[in-house]
Amino acid sequence: MKEIRINPSIESLSGAFGAVVFRHVWTCTFLLHRPNLRGVLRSIAQLASQERFRQARLYARSALGDPLVGELYRRVVTGPGQRASAIAVRNFMLAPQVDRLDLSA
């Protein structure tokens, strides 16, 4: 991919303008062609995946809206480029793995 220097006044653009999409990731801004998805039929698995991701985003929005849970997610953020909403989505998508359960108490 070619690298170009962008005027600082438009360096943090994101969104679409005509057939071009501006995407800001970390400290870089990318200019991409807008994908043409007209007439594309999605498989059942793709639709299920989209629905699961939609539910994950709804969970993240509600979790971050809760004062206590939202504060926990914000404390987990450790570095630049990391977002509490992305961590909440990841927590929804990855089910916890229980190796051992002690019910003796």
Protein backbone atom coordinates (compact mmCIF):
# COMPACT_ATOMS: atom_id res chain seq x y z
CA MET A 1 0.00 0.00 0.00
CA LYS A 2 1.33 3.43 -0.89
CA GLU A 3 1.84 5.88 1.92
CA ILE A 4 0.96 9.51 1.44
CA ARG A 5 1.21 12.48 3.74
CA ILE A 6 -2.07 14.12 4.60
CA ASN A 7 -2.59 17.73 5.53
CA PRO A 8 -2.88 17.91 9.34
CA SER A 9 -6.25 19.66 9.06
CA ILE A 10 -7.83 16.50 7.58
CA GLU A 11 -5.61 13.96 9.31
CA SER A 12 -8.28 12.66 11.66
CA LEU A 13 -11.09 12.30 9.12
CA SER A 14 -13.27 9.23 9.29
CA GLY A 15 -16.37 8.36 7.32
CA ALA A 16 -17.24 8.42 3.64
CA PHE A 17 -17.07 11.03 0.95
CA GLY A 18 -18.41 9.91 -2.43
CA ALA A 19 -16.75 6.62 -3.39
CA VAL A 20 -13.91 7.08 -0.88
CA VAL A 21 -13.93 5.91 2.75
CA PHE A 22 -11.66 7.60 5.29
CA ARG A 23 -10.69 5.22 8.07
CA HIS A 24 -8.64 6.26 11.07
CA VAL A 25 -6.84 3.38 12.83
CA TRP A 26 -4.44 4.07 15.68
CA THR A 27 -2.40 6.98 14.33
CA CYS A 28 -2.94 6.34 10.61
CA THR A 29 -5.64 7.51 8.24
CA PHE A 30 -6.50 5.21 5.34
CA LEU A 31 -8.36 6.10 2.17
CA LEU A 32 -10.25 3.12 0.77
CA HIS A 33 -12.71 2.46 -2.01
CA ARG A 34 -16.26 2.14 -0.74
CA PRO A 35 -17.32 -1.47 -1.21
CA ASN A 36 -20.27 -2.12 -3.49
CA LEU A 37 -22.40 -4.73 -1.73
CA ARG A 38 -25.54 -4.31 -3.83
CA GLY A 39 -26.96 -7.62 -4.88
CA VAL A 40 -24.65 -9.62 -2.61
CA LEU A 41 -26.51 -12.48 -0.97
CA ARG A 42 -25.16 -13.37 2.45
CA SER A 43 -25.10 -16.92 3.73
CA ILE A 44 -27.02 -18.02 6.81
CA ALA A 45 -23.73 -18.24 8.73
CA GLN A 46 -22.83 -14.66 7.74
CA LEU A 47 -26.24 -13.39 8.83
CA ALA A 48 -25.92 -15.26 12.14
CA SER A 49 -22.46 -13.77 12.68
CA GLN A 50 -23.74 -10.26 11.94
CA GLU A 51 -26.58 -10.77 14.43
CA ARG A 52 -24.20 -12.03 17.13
CA PHE A 53 -21.94 -9.01 16.58
CA ARG A 54 -24.97 -6.70 16.74
CA GLN A 55 -25.89 -8.26 20.10
CA ALA A 56 -22.30 -7.81 21.29
CA ARG A 57 -22.41 -4.11 20.41
CA LEU A 58 -25.72 -3.74 22.28
CA TYR A 59 -24.18 -5.46 25.30
CA ALA A 60 -21.15 -3.15 25.17
CA ARG A 61 -23.37 -0.08 24.96
CA SER A 62 -25.46 -1.15 27.95
CA ALA A 63 -22.43 -2.28 29.99
CA LEU A 64 -20.61 1.01 29.43
CA GLY A 65 -23.79 2.90 30.29
CA ASP A 66 -23.89 1.24 33.71
CA PRO A 67 -21.76 3.33 36.12
CA LEU A 68 -20.15 0.40 37.95
CA VAL A 69 -19.57 -1.98 35.03
CA GLY A 70 -18.53 0.87 32.73
CA GLU A 71 -15.90 2.00 35.22
CA LEU A 72 -14.49 -1.55 35.39
CA TYR A 73 -14.16 -1.68 31.60
CA ARG A 74 -12.53 1.77 31.51
CA ARG A 75 -9.96 0.66 34.10
CA VAL A 76 -8.98 -2.34 31.95
CA VAL A 77 -7.90 -0.05 29.10
CA THR A 78 -4.11 0.04 29.31
CA GLY A 79 -2.75 1.70 26.20
CA PRO A 80 -3.42 3.90 23.21
CA GLY A 81 -5.72 2.43 20.59
CA GLN A 82 -7.48 0.25 23.15
CA ARG A 83 -11.13 1.06 23.83
CA ALA A 84 -13.43 -0.04 26.61
CA SER A 85 -16.18 -0.74 24.07
CA ALA A 86 -13.92 -3.14 22.14
CA ILE A 87 -13.08 -5.00 25.35
CA ALA A 88 -16.79 -5.31 26.18
CA VAL A 89 -17.53 -6.67 22.69
CA ARG A 90 -14.69 -9.17 23.06
CA ASN A 91 -16.05 -10.30 26.43
CA PHE A 92 -19.46 -10.92 24.87
CA MET A 93 -18.04 -12.81 21.89
CA LEU A 94 -15.67 -15.04 23.89
CA ALA A 95 -17.50 -17.18 26.40
CA PRO A 96 -15.63 -17.74 29.66
CA GLN A 97 -13.93 -21.11 30.03
CA VAL A 98 -14.46 -22.81 33.38
CA ASP A 99 -11.76 -25.37 34.12
CA ARG A 100 -12.84 -26.28 37.61
CA LEU A 101 -15.86 -25.49 39.75
CA ASP A 102 -15.76 -25.93 43.53
CA LEU A 103 -19.24 -26.25 45.06
CA SER A 104 -18.10 -27.52 48.45
CA ALA A 105 -18.87 -24.28 50.32
